[in-house]
N, C-alpha and C. Protein backbone atom coordinates (compact mmCIF):
# COMPACT_ATOMS: atom_id res chain seq x y z
N MET A 1 -30.31 -13.62 5.69
CA MET A 1 -30.80 -14.06 4.49
C MET A 1 -30.05 -14.61 4.05
N GLU A 2 -28.77 -14.49 3.85
CA GLU A 2 -27.66 -15.32 3.24
C GLU A 2 -27.66 -16.82 3.76
N CYS A 3 -27.81 -16.85 5.04
CA CYS A 3 -27.90 -18.15 5.79
C CYS A 3 -29.21 -18.70 5.62
N GLU A 4 -30.00 -18.11 5.13
CA GLU A 4 -31.39 -18.79 4.87
C GLU A 4 -32.08 -19.35 6.48
N THR A 5 -31.95 -18.54 7.32
CA THR A 5 -32.14 -18.84 8.82
C THR A 5 -33.86 -19.61 8.87
N TYR A 6 -34.46 -18.46 7.97
CA TYR A 6 -36.19 -18.74 8.51
C TYR A 6 -36.35 -19.59 7.11
N GLY A 7 -35.61 -20.55 6.27
CA GLY A 7 -36.23 -20.84 5.13
C GLY A 7 -35.59 -20.65 4.18
N LYS A 8 -35.95 -21.48 2.82
CA LYS A 8 -35.08 -21.15 1.70
C LYS A 8 -36.01 -19.80 1.01
N MET A 9 -34.95 -19.35 0.17
CA MET A 9 -35.32 -17.92 -0.49
C MET A 9 -36.21 -18.45 -1.80
N GLY A 10 -35.79 -19.50 -2.42
CA GLY A 10 -36.37 -19.64 -3.77
C GLY A 10 -35.58 -19.66 -4.56
N ASP A 11 -35.85 -18.83 -5.63
CA ASP A 11 -34.94 -18.74 -6.91
C ASP A 11 -33.61 -18.43 -6.23
N PRO A 12 -32.54 -19.02 -6.97
CA PRO A 12 -30.92 -18.98 -6.68
C PRO A 12 -30.53 -17.44 -7.15
N ARG A 13 -31.33 -16.67 -7.94
CA ARG A 13 -30.93 -15.54 -8.12
C ARG A 13 -30.95 -14.42 -6.72
N TYR A 14 -31.85 -14.82 -5.87
CA TYR A 14 -31.99 -13.82 -4.76
C TYR A 14 -30.33 -14.11 -3.87
N ALA A 15 -29.70 -15.37 -3.83
CA ALA A 15 -28.71 -15.73 -2.92
C ALA A 15 -27.55 -14.50 -3.80
N GLU A 16 -27.77 -14.29 -5.16
CA GLU A 16 -26.57 -13.91 -5.57
C GLU A 16 -26.68 -12.56 -5.17
N TYR A 17 -28.05 -11.81 -5.52
CA TYR A 17 -28.71 -10.54 -5.18
C TYR A 17 -28.06 -10.13 -3.65
N VAL A 18 -28.41 -10.91 -2.47
CA VAL A 18 -28.02 -10.75 -1.29
C VAL A 18 -26.34 -10.84 -1.46
N GLN A 19 -25.49 -11.66 -1.76
CA GLN A 19 -24.21 -11.83 -1.79
C GLN A 19 -23.64 -10.31 -2.59
N SER A 20 -24.16 -9.45 -3.52
CA SER A 20 -23.76 -8.44 -4.03
C SER A 20 -24.16 -7.19 -3.03
N ILE A 21 -25.16 -7.24 -2.35
CA ILE A 21 -25.51 -6.04 -1.32
C ILE A 21 -24.84 -6.25 -0.37
N LYS A 22 -24.03 -7.52 0.38
CA LYS A 22 -23.20 -7.66 1.57
C LYS A 22 -21.88 -7.21 1.12
N THR A 23 -21.45 -7.64 -0.13
CA THR A 23 -19.79 -7.10 -0.44
C THR A 23 -20.01 -5.43 -0.99
N SER A 24 -21.17 -5.13 -1.32
CA SER A 24 -21.19 -3.38 -1.27
C SER A 24 -21.22 -3.10 -0.54
N GLY A 25 -21.96 -3.12 0.61
CA GLY A 25 -21.86 -2.93 1.99
C GLY A 25 -20.54 -2.72 2.69
N GLU A 26 -19.99 -3.83 2.52
CA GLU A 26 -18.16 -4.05 2.84
C GLU A 26 -17.31 -2.84 2.32
N HIS A 27 -17.68 -3.16 1.07
CA HIS A 27 -16.81 -2.13 0.64
C HIS A 27 -17.13 -0.72 0.98
N LEU A 28 -17.93 -0.45 1.18
CA LEU A 28 -18.47 1.07 1.29
C LEU A 28 -17.94 1.36 2.62
N LEU A 29 -18.37 0.39 4.06
CA LEU A 29 -17.50 0.85 5.03
C LEU A 29 -16.14 0.76 4.86
N ASN A 30 -15.37 0.07 4.07
CA ASN A 30 -14.19 0.12 4.16
C ASN A 30 -13.52 1.70 3.57
N SER A 31 -14.53 1.80 2.65
CA SER A 31 -13.93 3.18 1.92
C SER A 31 -14.28 4.34 3.07
N PHE A 32 -15.10 4.18 3.90
CA PHE A 32 -15.16 5.33 4.88
C PHE A 32 -14.27 5.37 6.23
N ALA A 33 -13.98 4.04 6.38
CA ALA A 33 -12.51 3.44 7.10
C ALA A 33 -11.51 4.65 6.40
N ALA A 34 -11.26 4.14 5.31
CA ALA A 34 -10.02 5.19 4.75
C ALA A 34 -10.22 6.47 4.53
N ILE A 35 -11.12 7.06 4.40
CA ILE A 35 -11.60 8.46 4.58
C ILE A 35 -11.25 9.02 6.03
N LEU A 36 -11.65 8.32 7.21
CA LEU A 36 -11.72 8.87 8.31
C LEU A 36 -9.82 8.45 8.68
N ASP A 37 -9.47 7.41 8.31
CA ASP A 37 -8.17 7.41 8.57
C ASP A 37 -7.04 8.43 7.84
N LEU A 38 -7.55 8.64 6.72
CA LEU A 38 -6.72 10.09 6.20
C LEU A 38 -7.12 11.11 6.80
N ALA A 39 -8.23 11.62 7.14
CA ALA A 39 -8.58 12.80 7.53
C ALA A 39 -7.94 13.07 8.99
N GLU A 40 -7.93 11.72 9.67
CA GLU A 40 -7.23 11.95 11.05
C GLU A 40 -5.76 12.04 11.14
N LEU A 41 -4.82 11.41 10.19
CA LEU A 41 -3.68 11.50 9.68
C LEU A 41 -3.33 13.05 9.24
N GLU A 42 -3.94 13.39 8.53
CA GLU A 42 -4.15 14.66 7.97
C GLU A 42 -4.02 16.04 8.73
N ASN A 43 -5.05 15.78 9.66
CA ASN A 43 -5.46 16.54 10.75
C ASN A 43 -4.49 16.44 11.78
N GLY A 44 -3.61 15.71 12.20
CA GLY A 44 -2.96 15.52 13.40
C GLY A 44 -3.72 14.67 14.67
N GLN A 45 -4.75 14.06 14.44
CA GLN A 45 -5.61 13.72 15.25
C GLN A 45 -5.19 12.20 15.69
N LYS A 46 -4.76 11.27 14.68
CA LYS A 46 -3.76 10.09 14.76
C LYS A 46 -2.28 10.08 15.11
N VAL A 47 -1.77 9.54 16.42
CA VAL A 47 -1.02 9.81 16.78
C VAL A 47 -0.02 8.54 16.70
N LEU A 48 0.94 8.47 16.04
CA LEU A 48 1.83 7.31 15.68
C LEU A 48 2.68 7.07 16.96
N ARG A 49 3.01 6.04 17.03
CA ARG A 49 4.02 5.67 18.25
C ARG A 49 5.46 6.17 17.39
N ALA A 50 6.42 6.10 18.55
CA ALA A 50 7.84 6.35 18.16
C ALA A 50 8.70 5.20 18.50
N ASP A 51 8.51 4.06 18.36
CA ASP A 51 9.15 2.98 18.65
C ASP A 51 10.25 2.72 17.81
N ALA A 52 11.44 2.07 18.29
CA ALA A 52 12.30 1.77 17.37
C ALA A 52 12.07 0.07 16.67
N VAL A 53 12.10 0.63 15.41
CA VAL A 53 11.38 -0.34 14.20
C VAL A 53 12.47 -1.27 13.25
N PRO A 54 12.60 -2.11 13.20
CA PRO A 54 13.54 -3.07 12.32
C PRO A 54 12.83 -2.66 10.77
N LEU A 55 13.91 -2.15 9.96
CA LEU A 55 13.27 -1.83 8.64
C LEU A 55 12.81 -3.07 7.97
N ASP A 56 14.01 -4.10 7.99
CA ASP A 56 13.39 -5.49 7.54
C ASP A 56 12.52 -6.44 8.34
N GLU A 57 12.13 -5.80 9.33
CA GLU A 57 10.76 -6.71 9.98
C GLU A 57 9.75 -5.80 8.99
N VAL A 58 9.77 -4.83 8.81
CA VAL A 58 8.30 -4.23 8.00
C VAL A 58 8.61 -4.65 6.42
N ILE A 59 9.65 -5.01 5.89
CA ILE A 59 9.46 -5.49 4.64
C ILE A 59 9.13 -6.93 4.52
N THR A 60 9.54 -7.84 5.56
CA THR A 60 9.20 -9.14 5.79
C THR A 60 7.88 -9.49 5.87
N ALA A 61 7.02 -8.36 6.75
CA ALA A 61 5.92 -8.64 7.09
C ALA A 61 4.74 -8.14 5.80
N THR A 62 5.39 -7.09 4.93
CA THR A 62 4.65 -7.29 3.68
C THR A 62 4.78 -8.24 3.01
N CYS A 63 5.72 -8.69 2.56
CA CYS A 63 5.98 -9.85 1.77
C CYS A 63 5.12 -10.87 2.05
N ARG A 64 5.12 -11.41 3.53
CA ARG A 64 4.46 -12.34 3.95
C ARG A 64 2.80 -11.96 3.65
N ARG A 65 2.37 -10.58 3.70
CA ARG A 65 1.10 -10.61 3.80
C ARG A 65 0.51 -10.49 2.21
N PHE A 66 1.52 -10.17 1.52
CA PHE A 66 0.89 -10.20 -0.24
C PHE A 66 1.51 -11.08 -1.19
N ARG A 67 2.43 -12.28 -0.60
CA ARG A 67 3.12 -13.22 -1.24
C ARG A 67 2.00 -13.92 -2.31
N GLY A 68 0.90 -14.49 -1.23
CA GLY A 68 -0.11 -15.08 -1.98
C GLY A 68 -1.00 -14.51 -3.35
N GLN A 69 -0.95 -13.15 -2.91
CA GLN A 69 -1.78 -12.53 -3.94
C GLN A 69 -0.71 -11.98 -5.32
N ILE A 70 0.23 -11.79 -4.65
CA ILE A 70 1.16 -11.72 -6.06
C ILE A 70 1.33 -12.95 -6.88
N ALA A 71 1.20 -14.23 -6.20
CA ALA A 71 1.38 -15.23 -7.08
C ALA A 71 -0.25 -15.41 -7.76
N ARG A 72 -1.25 -15.37 -7.19
CA ARG A 72 -2.48 -15.46 -7.69
C ARG A 72 -2.55 -14.44 -8.94
N ALA A 73 -1.80 -13.25 -8.89
CA ALA A 73 -2.00 -12.36 -9.86
C ALA A 73 -1.02 -12.57 -10.96
N GLY A 74 -0.34 -13.43 -10.86
CA GLY A 74 0.55 -14.14 -11.93
C GLY A 74 2.16 -13.40 -12.07
N LEU A 75 2.18 -12.62 -10.91
CA LEU A 75 3.32 -11.60 -10.95
C LEU A 75 4.75 -12.23 -10.45
N ALA A 76 5.87 -12.01 -10.51
CA ALA A 76 6.92 -12.36 -9.81
C ALA A 76 7.35 -11.01 -9.08
N LEU A 77 8.02 -11.55 -7.90
CA LEU A 77 8.40 -10.82 -6.93
C LEU A 77 9.98 -10.53 -6.58
N SER A 78 10.58 -9.84 -6.53
CA SER A 78 12.04 -9.57 -6.52
C SER A 78 11.86 -8.49 -5.12
N VAL A 79 12.76 -9.33 -4.18
CA VAL A 79 13.18 -8.62 -2.54
C VAL A 79 14.71 -8.79 -2.31
N ASN A 80 15.26 -7.43 -2.18
CA ASN A 80 16.76 -7.36 -1.91
C ASN A 80 17.18 -7.42 -0.73
N SER A 81 18.34 -7.68 -0.39
CA SER A 81 19.15 -8.29 1.11
C SER A 81 18.81 -7.22 1.94
N GLU A 82 18.45 -7.55 3.02
CA GLU A 82 18.49 -7.04 4.25
C GLU A 82 19.42 -5.66 4.73
N THR A 83 19.20 -4.76 5.65
CA THR A 83 19.84 -3.63 5.40
C THR A 83 20.15 -3.47 7.12
N GLY A 84 19.59 -4.20 8.06
CA GLY A 84 20.06 -3.95 9.31
C GLY A 84 19.57 -2.55 9.77
N ALA A 85 19.16 -1.67 9.19
CA ALA A 85 18.46 -0.22 9.83
C ALA A 85 17.27 -0.30 10.50
N MET A 86 17.19 0.30 11.65
CA MET A 86 16.38 0.45 12.71
C MET A 86 15.51 2.15 12.43
N LEU A 87 14.27 2.18 12.15
CA LEU A 87 13.57 3.06 11.94
C LEU A 87 12.95 3.49 13.48
N CYS A 88 12.66 4.78 13.34
CA CYS A 88 11.48 5.36 14.76
C CYS A 88 10.20 5.61 14.20
N GLY A 89 9.37 5.11 14.75
CA GLY A 89 8.01 5.30 14.24
C GLY A 89 7.08 4.16 14.88
N ASP A 90 6.14 4.20 13.99
CA ASP A 90 4.87 3.06 14.47
C ASP A 90 4.96 1.88 13.69
N ARG A 91 5.43 1.07 14.22
CA ARG A 91 5.50 -0.08 12.89
C ARG A 91 4.22 -0.69 12.22
N LEU A 92 3.14 -0.63 12.94
CA LEU A 92 2.01 -1.32 12.14
C LEU A 92 1.37 -0.03 10.85
N ALA A 93 1.85 1.02 11.28
CA ALA A 93 1.87 2.25 10.10
C ALA A 93 2.94 1.97 9.06
N PHE A 94 3.76 1.91 9.66
CA PHE A 94 4.94 1.31 8.29
C PHE A 94 4.80 0.14 7.51
N VAL A 95 3.96 -0.66 7.88
CA VAL A 95 3.60 -1.93 7.32
C VAL A 95 2.35 -1.53 6.69
N ARG A 96 1.57 -0.71 7.11
CA ARG A 96 0.48 -0.25 5.97
C ARG A 96 0.74 0.68 5.08
N MET A 97 2.21 1.62 5.14
CA MET A 97 2.35 2.50 4.41
C MET A 97 2.64 1.50 2.92
N VAL A 98 3.89 0.92 3.36
CA VAL A 98 4.48 0.11 2.18
C VAL A 98 3.57 -0.76 1.70
N GLY A 99 2.69 -1.66 2.16
CA GLY A 99 1.41 -2.53 2.11
C GLY A 99 0.67 -1.75 1.03
N ASN A 100 0.14 -0.32 1.32
CA ASN A 100 -0.63 0.12 0.04
C ASN A 100 0.14 0.38 -1.26
N ILE A 101 1.44 0.72 -1.14
CA ILE A 101 2.26 0.66 -2.27
C ILE A 101 2.07 -0.48 -3.35
N VAL A 102 2.50 -1.35 -2.37
CA VAL A 102 2.54 -2.62 -2.97
C VAL A 102 1.25 -3.35 -3.61
N GLU A 103 0.07 -3.34 -2.95
CA GLU A 103 -1.55 -3.20 -3.32
C GLU A 103 -1.26 -2.64 -4.51
N ASN A 104 -1.14 -1.31 -4.72
CA ASN A 104 -1.69 -0.59 -5.71
C ASN A 104 -0.75 -1.18 -7.01
N ALA A 105 0.79 -1.44 -6.86
CA ALA A 105 1.60 -2.27 -7.83
C ALA A 105 0.62 -3.45 -8.19
N ILE A 106 0.40 -4.41 -7.52
CA ILE A 106 -0.20 -5.48 -7.89
C ILE A 106 -1.66 -5.40 -8.78
N ARG A 107 -2.40 -4.17 -8.15
CA ARG A 107 -3.75 -3.95 -8.83
C ARG A 107 -3.35 -3.45 -10.56
N PHE A 108 -2.27 -2.73 -10.59
CA PHE A 108 -2.12 -2.27 -12.09
C PHE A 108 -1.02 -2.71 -12.85
N THR A 109 -0.56 -4.03 -12.54
CA THR A 109 0.35 -4.97 -13.32
C THR A 109 -0.21 -5.90 -13.81
N PRO A 110 -0.13 -5.82 -14.97
CA PRO A 110 -0.86 -7.36 -15.49
C PRO A 110 -0.15 -8.44 -15.24
N ALA A 111 -0.76 -9.48 -15.67
CA ALA A 111 -0.10 -11.31 -15.24
C ALA A 111 1.15 -11.03 -15.86
N GLY A 112 2.16 -11.63 -15.42
CA GLY A 112 3.37 -11.57 -16.24
C GLY A 112 4.58 -10.74 -16.07
N GLY A 113 3.93 -9.83 -15.15
CA GLY A 113 4.52 -8.74 -14.81
C GLY A 113 5.75 -8.91 -13.57
N LYS A 114 6.46 -8.11 -13.17
CA LYS A 114 7.23 -8.45 -12.03
C LYS A 114 7.16 -6.84 -10.91
N LEU A 115 7.10 -7.00 -9.73
CA LEU A 115 7.46 -6.42 -8.76
C LEU A 115 8.43 -6.49 -7.81
N THR A 116 9.12 -5.55 -7.71
CA THR A 116 10.71 -5.28 -6.74
C THR A 116 10.56 -4.57 -5.75
N LEU A 117 10.65 -4.88 -4.59
CA LEU A 117 10.80 -4.36 -3.43
C LEU A 117 12.28 -3.76 -2.79
N ALA A 118 12.92 -3.06 -2.74
CA ALA A 118 14.14 -2.72 -2.52
C ALA A 118 14.27 -1.71 -1.07
N THR A 119 15.47 -1.76 -0.60
CA THR A 119 15.48 -0.77 0.58
C THR A 119 16.80 -0.51 0.50
N PHE A 120 17.20 0.73 1.00
CA PHE A 120 18.76 1.03 0.79
C PHE A 120 18.82 1.91 1.88
N ALA A 121 20.16 1.75 2.76
CA ALA A 121 20.46 2.42 3.99
C ALA A 121 21.91 3.24 3.95
N ALA A 122 21.76 4.25 4.35
CA ALA A 122 22.99 5.27 4.32
C ALA A 122 23.14 5.84 5.76
N ASP A 123 23.94 6.61 6.21
CA ASP A 123 24.21 7.03 7.60
C ASP A 123 23.21 8.25 8.01
N ASP A 124 22.33 8.61 6.43
CA ASP A 124 21.19 9.89 7.14
C ASP A 124 19.83 9.39 6.81
N GLY A 125 19.54 8.00 6.29
CA GLY A 125 18.35 7.60 6.37
C GLY A 125 18.19 6.17 5.54
N VAL A 126 16.90 5.94 5.40
CA VAL A 126 16.86 4.76 4.40
C VAL A 126 15.80 5.15 2.94
N VAL A 127 15.81 4.54 2.36
CA VAL A 127 14.70 4.05 1.08
C VAL A 127 14.35 3.39 0.76
N ILE A 128 12.94 3.23 0.87
CA ILE A 128 12.12 1.95 0.39
C ILE A 128 11.50 2.31 -1.15
N GLU A 129 11.85 1.34 -1.79
CA GLU A 129 11.31 1.22 -3.15
C GLU A 129 10.65 0.29 -3.95
N VAL A 130 9.45 0.83 -4.10
CA VAL A 130 8.53 -0.29 -4.81
C VAL A 130 8.53 -0.17 -6.13
N THR A 131 8.87 -0.76 -7.43
CA THR A 131 9.02 -0.99 -8.66
C THR A 131 7.96 -1.88 -9.07
N ASP A 132 7.21 -1.41 -10.19
CA ASP A 132 6.67 -2.55 -10.95
C ASP A 132 6.49 -2.33 -12.44
N THR A 133 6.20 -3.37 -13.29
CA THR A 133 6.15 -3.14 -14.46
C THR A 133 4.83 -3.27 -15.09
N GLY A 134 4.18 -2.21 -14.53
CA GLY A 134 2.64 -2.04 -14.83
C GLY A 134 2.27 -1.13 -15.88
N ILE A 135 1.16 -0.45 -15.76
CA ILE A 135 0.76 0.28 -16.93
C ILE A 135 1.09 1.83 -16.82
N GLY A 136 1.44 1.97 -15.55
CA GLY A 136 2.48 3.42 -15.37
C GLY A 136 1.19 4.39 -15.74
N MET A 137 1.67 5.61 -15.49
CA MET A 137 0.51 6.81 -15.60
C MET A 137 1.69 7.78 -16.38
N SER A 138 0.60 8.68 -16.75
CA SER A 138 1.13 9.85 -17.81
C SER A 138 1.59 10.85 -16.85
N GLU A 139 2.18 11.88 -17.14
CA GLU A 139 2.53 13.27 -16.43
C GLU A 139 1.44 13.76 -15.50
N GLU A 140 0.58 13.65 -16.41
CA GLU A 140 -0.86 14.62 -15.98
C GLU A 140 -1.54 13.54 -15.06
N ARG A 141 -1.54 12.50 -15.07
CA ARG A 141 -2.10 11.48 -14.03
C ARG A 141 -1.17 11.16 -13.12
N LEU A 142 -0.01 11.64 -12.94
CA LEU A 142 1.20 11.49 -11.94
C LEU A 142 0.95 12.82 -10.99
N SER A 143 1.00 13.91 -11.71
CA SER A 143 0.79 15.34 -11.00
C SER A 143 -0.28 15.09 -10.43
N SER A 144 -1.34 14.44 -10.51
CA SER A 144 -2.74 14.56 -10.00
C SER A 144 -2.59 13.52 -8.31
N LEU A 145 -1.69 13.02 -8.52
CA LEU A 145 -1.89 11.83 -7.15
C LEU A 145 -1.70 12.41 -5.65
N SER A 146 -1.29 13.83 -6.03
CA SER A 146 -1.10 14.58 -4.30
C SER A 146 -2.54 14.82 -3.77
N GLN A 147 -3.65 14.59 -4.56
CA GLN A 147 -4.96 14.62 -4.30
C GLN A 147 -5.76 13.53 -4.08
N PRO A 148 -6.40 13.22 -2.95
CA PRO A 148 -6.89 12.13 -2.53
C PRO A 148 -7.83 11.76 -3.58
N PHE A 149 -8.51 10.42 -3.64
CA PHE A 149 -9.13 9.75 -5.01
C PHE A 149 -8.53 10.05 -6.14
N ALA A 150 -7.31 10.38 -6.39
CA ALA A 150 -6.92 10.23 -7.73
C ALA A 150 -6.95 9.09 -8.41
N LEU A 151 -6.90 7.81 -7.63
CA LEU A 151 -6.81 6.82 -8.56
C LEU A 151 -8.42 6.18 -8.26
N GLY A 152 -9.27 6.75 -7.95
CA GLY A 152 -10.82 6.28 -7.69
C GLY A 152 -11.29 6.08 -8.73
N ASP A 153 -11.38 6.20 -9.89
CA ASP A 153 -11.98 6.04 -10.73
C ASP A 153 -11.26 4.61 -11.37
N ALA A 154 -10.03 4.35 -11.08
CA ALA A 154 -9.31 3.28 -11.77
C ALA A 154 -9.60 2.19 -10.71
N THR A 155 -9.75 2.44 -9.41
CA THR A 155 -9.76 1.41 -8.45
C THR A 155 -10.91 0.98 -8.29
N PHE A 156 -12.21 1.60 -8.43
CA PHE A 156 -13.23 0.94 -8.48
C PHE A 156 -13.73 -0.25 -9.88
N THR A 157 -13.11 0.38 -10.85
CA THR A 157 -13.46 -0.53 -12.19
C THR A 157 -12.53 -1.55 -12.21
N ARG A 158 -11.50 -2.08 -11.13
CA ARG A 158 -10.59 -3.01 -11.01
C ARG A 158 -11.05 -3.73 -9.60
N GLU A 159 -12.35 -4.50 -9.66
CA GLU A 159 -12.68 -5.26 -8.54
C GLU A 159 -13.07 -4.57 -7.43
N GLY A 160 -13.48 -3.07 -7.72
CA GLY A 160 -13.87 -2.68 -6.49
C GLY A 160 -12.95 -2.47 -5.37
N VAL A 161 -11.90 -2.21 -5.03
CA VAL A 161 -11.12 -2.31 -4.18
C VAL A 161 -10.88 -1.28 -3.15
N GLY A 162 -11.23 -0.13 -3.65
CA GLY A 162 -10.82 1.28 -2.90
C GLY A 162 -11.08 2.59 -3.37
N PRO A 163 -11.28 3.41 -2.81
CA PRO A 163 -11.79 4.62 -3.37
C PRO A 163 -10.63 5.67 -3.23
N GLY A 164 -9.14 4.81 -3.57
CA GLY A 164 -8.10 5.68 -4.26
C GLY A 164 -7.40 6.48 -3.35
N LEU A 165 -7.47 5.78 -1.87
CA LEU A 165 -6.92 7.07 -0.82
C LEU A 165 -5.56 6.21 -0.56
N GLY A 166 -5.18 4.81 -1.20
CA GLY A 166 -3.91 4.46 -0.64
C GLY A 166 -2.37 5.25 -0.91
N ILE A 167 -2.17 5.78 -1.75
CA ILE A 167 -1.02 6.48 -2.02
C ILE A 167 -1.18 7.66 -0.94
N SER A 168 -2.47 8.37 -0.80
CA SER A 168 -2.44 9.57 -0.15
C SER A 168 -2.47 9.14 1.63
N ILE A 169 -2.60 7.96 1.96
CA ILE A 169 -2.40 7.52 3.20
C ILE A 169 -0.87 7.27 3.39
N SER A 170 -0.41 6.66 2.42
CA SER A 170 1.14 6.11 2.55
C SER A 170 1.83 7.62 2.46
N ARG A 171 1.50 8.29 1.95
CA ARG A 171 2.22 9.82 1.84
C ARG A 171 2.49 10.60 3.33
N ALA A 172 0.85 10.57 3.69
CA ALA A 172 0.46 11.13 5.25
C ALA A 172 1.62 10.56 6.11
N ILE A 173 1.79 8.99 6.33
CA ILE A 173 2.29 8.48 7.32
C ILE A 173 3.99 8.81 7.21
N ALA A 174 4.12 8.69 5.72
CA ALA A 174 5.46 9.11 5.63
C ALA A 174 6.22 10.42 6.22
N GLU A 175 5.22 11.54 5.84
CA GLU A 175 5.46 12.86 6.13
C GLU A 175 5.30 12.90 7.85
N LEU A 176 4.52 11.80 8.40
CA LEU A 176 4.07 12.50 9.45
C LEU A 176 5.20 11.13 10.50
N SER A 177 6.09 10.68 9.78
CA SER A 177 7.26 10.03 10.39
C SER A 177 8.40 10.66 10.05
N GLY A 178 8.54 12.03 9.56
CA GLY A 178 9.66 12.65 9.03
C GLY A 178 10.36 12.50 8.01
N GLY A 179 9.51 11.83 6.78
CA GLY A 179 10.22 11.48 5.52
C GLY A 179 9.25 11.93 4.52
N ARG A 180 9.59 11.36 3.33
CA ARG A 180 8.90 11.89 2.23
C ARG A 180 8.60 10.99 1.05
N MET A 181 7.68 10.93 0.20
CA MET A 181 7.62 9.91 -1.08
C MET A 181 7.51 10.62 -2.19
N VAL A 182 8.30 9.77 -2.94
CA VAL A 182 8.11 10.22 -4.41
C VAL A 182 8.00 9.11 -5.26
N ILE A 183 7.16 9.94 -6.57
CA ILE A 183 6.59 8.58 -7.46
C ILE A 183 7.14 9.14 -9.08
N ASP A 184 7.95 7.70 -9.57
CA ASP A 184 8.23 7.93 -11.06
C ASP A 184 7.57 7.17 -11.63
N SER A 185 6.94 7.40 -12.60
CA SER A 185 5.94 6.53 -13.62
C SER A 185 6.16 7.32 -15.06
N ALA A 186 5.95 5.98 -15.95
CA ALA A 186 5.56 6.23 -17.37
C ALA A 186 4.77 5.33 -18.19
N PRO A 187 4.02 5.63 -18.90
CA PRO A 187 2.80 4.85 -19.39
C PRO A 187 3.57 3.58 -20.08
N SER A 188 2.93 2.49 -19.84
CA SER A 188 3.62 1.10 -20.55
C SER A 188 4.46 0.77 -20.02
N ILE A 189 5.51 1.66 -19.19
CA ILE A 189 6.76 1.03 -18.74
C ILE A 189 6.81 0.40 -17.18
N GLY A 190 6.06 1.29 -16.24
CA GLY A 190 5.64 0.86 -14.81
C GLY A 190 6.19 2.26 -14.01
N THR A 191 6.02 2.15 -12.64
CA THR A 191 5.94 2.94 -11.92
C THR A 191 6.95 2.45 -10.56
N THR A 192 7.62 3.44 -10.22
CA THR A 192 8.41 3.43 -9.02
C THR A 192 8.04 4.31 -7.72
N VAL A 193 7.59 3.94 -6.95
CA VAL A 193 7.46 4.56 -5.67
C VAL A 193 8.52 4.60 -4.73
N ALA A 194 9.27 5.89 -4.15
CA ALA A 194 10.52 6.00 -3.09
C ALA A 194 9.98 6.64 -1.84
N ILE A 195 9.91 5.82 -0.90
CA ILE A 195 9.97 6.54 0.18
C ILE A 195 11.17 6.49 0.98
N SER A 196 11.44 7.78 1.31
CA SER A 196 12.57 8.17 2.35
C SER A 196 12.26 8.24 3.92
N LEU A 197 13.17 7.66 5.17
CA LEU A 197 12.64 7.92 6.06
C LEU A 197 13.91 7.98 6.85
N PRO A 198 13.89 8.51 8.01
CA PRO A 198 14.96 8.91 8.91
C PRO A 198 15.55 7.58 9.56
N LEU A 199 16.89 7.57 10.18
CA LEU A 199 17.00 6.56 10.97
C LEU A 199 16.50 6.69 12.50
N ASP A 200 16.48 5.79 13.02
CA ASP A 200 16.58 5.68 14.48
C ASP A 200 17.99 6.10 15.09
N VAL A 201 18.61 6.74 15.31
CA VAL A 201 19.61 7.40 15.64
C VAL A 201 20.07 6.63 17.00
N ARG A 202 19.08 6.25 17.68
CA ARG A 202 19.30 5.82 19.23
C ARG A 202 19.81 4.36 19.26
N HIS A 203 19.39 3.03 17.76
CA HIS A 203 19.66 2.24 17.36
C HIS A 203 20.21 1.52 16.33
N SER A 204 20.39 2.99 15.35
CA SER A 204 20.84 2.16 13.97
C SER A 204 22.62 2.21 14.01
N LYS A 205 22.96 1.08 13.39
CA LYS A 205 24.09 1.03 13.22
C LYS A 205 24.69 0.49 11.84
N VAL A 206 24.46 1.43 10.94
CA VAL A 206 24.20 0.84 9.51
C VAL A 206 25.72 1.01 8.76
N THR A 207 25.90 0.11 8.16
CA THR A 207 27.24 -0.27 7.38
C THR A 207 26.77 0.12 6.02
N VAL A 208 27.50 1.24 5.36
CA VAL A 208 26.91 1.45 4.24
C VAL A 208 28.88 0.57 3.12
N ALA A 209 27.82 0.06 2.14
CA ALA A 209 28.60 -0.54 1.39
C ALA A 209 29.99 0.39 0.73
N ALA A 210 30.85 0.20 0.34
CA ALA A 210 32.08 0.73 -0.54
C ALA A 210 31.63 0.92 -1.77
């Protein structure tokens, strides 16, 4: 119908209706896919790889993916220097884990705000921090983030991008990779999401600054 294969539909409003139906359907399919992914991660049905993954590559891939979106949102992006650290895990899962957090930060940071993507390495592991100057969350809202769909009502009102599972999926990936995720936030100030992960001791040679 969108391509008008069998002829014109007539009133231009029909084209708008078709596009709306198509967008809604795609949105629904993406939501179902996210729900299935989370269920598989939490039930241990999705097996993650255990490869040597350079942390710097994960950050570079994430920045490359979202740089245009960040610019269109009118935000500034700050990325710290490279660490040279090596992780043990699934590269695509790591990129998705950080990407979900960055996407959330973009979504809830008004134009003129700033996103900071920082990484820190020590002898016993690494920390990835995503900080924004967005709308932030109250303590009550923050405490609910351990539950799937916690951001569902907000995400659907902001361009209908998802059912609020990004945080839960990122947390699941971090924990399956031997790490953990912590969130600190305050209304009107912003949010910091910190993900700690163990090093791949088979390959890592991290030099810690004095």
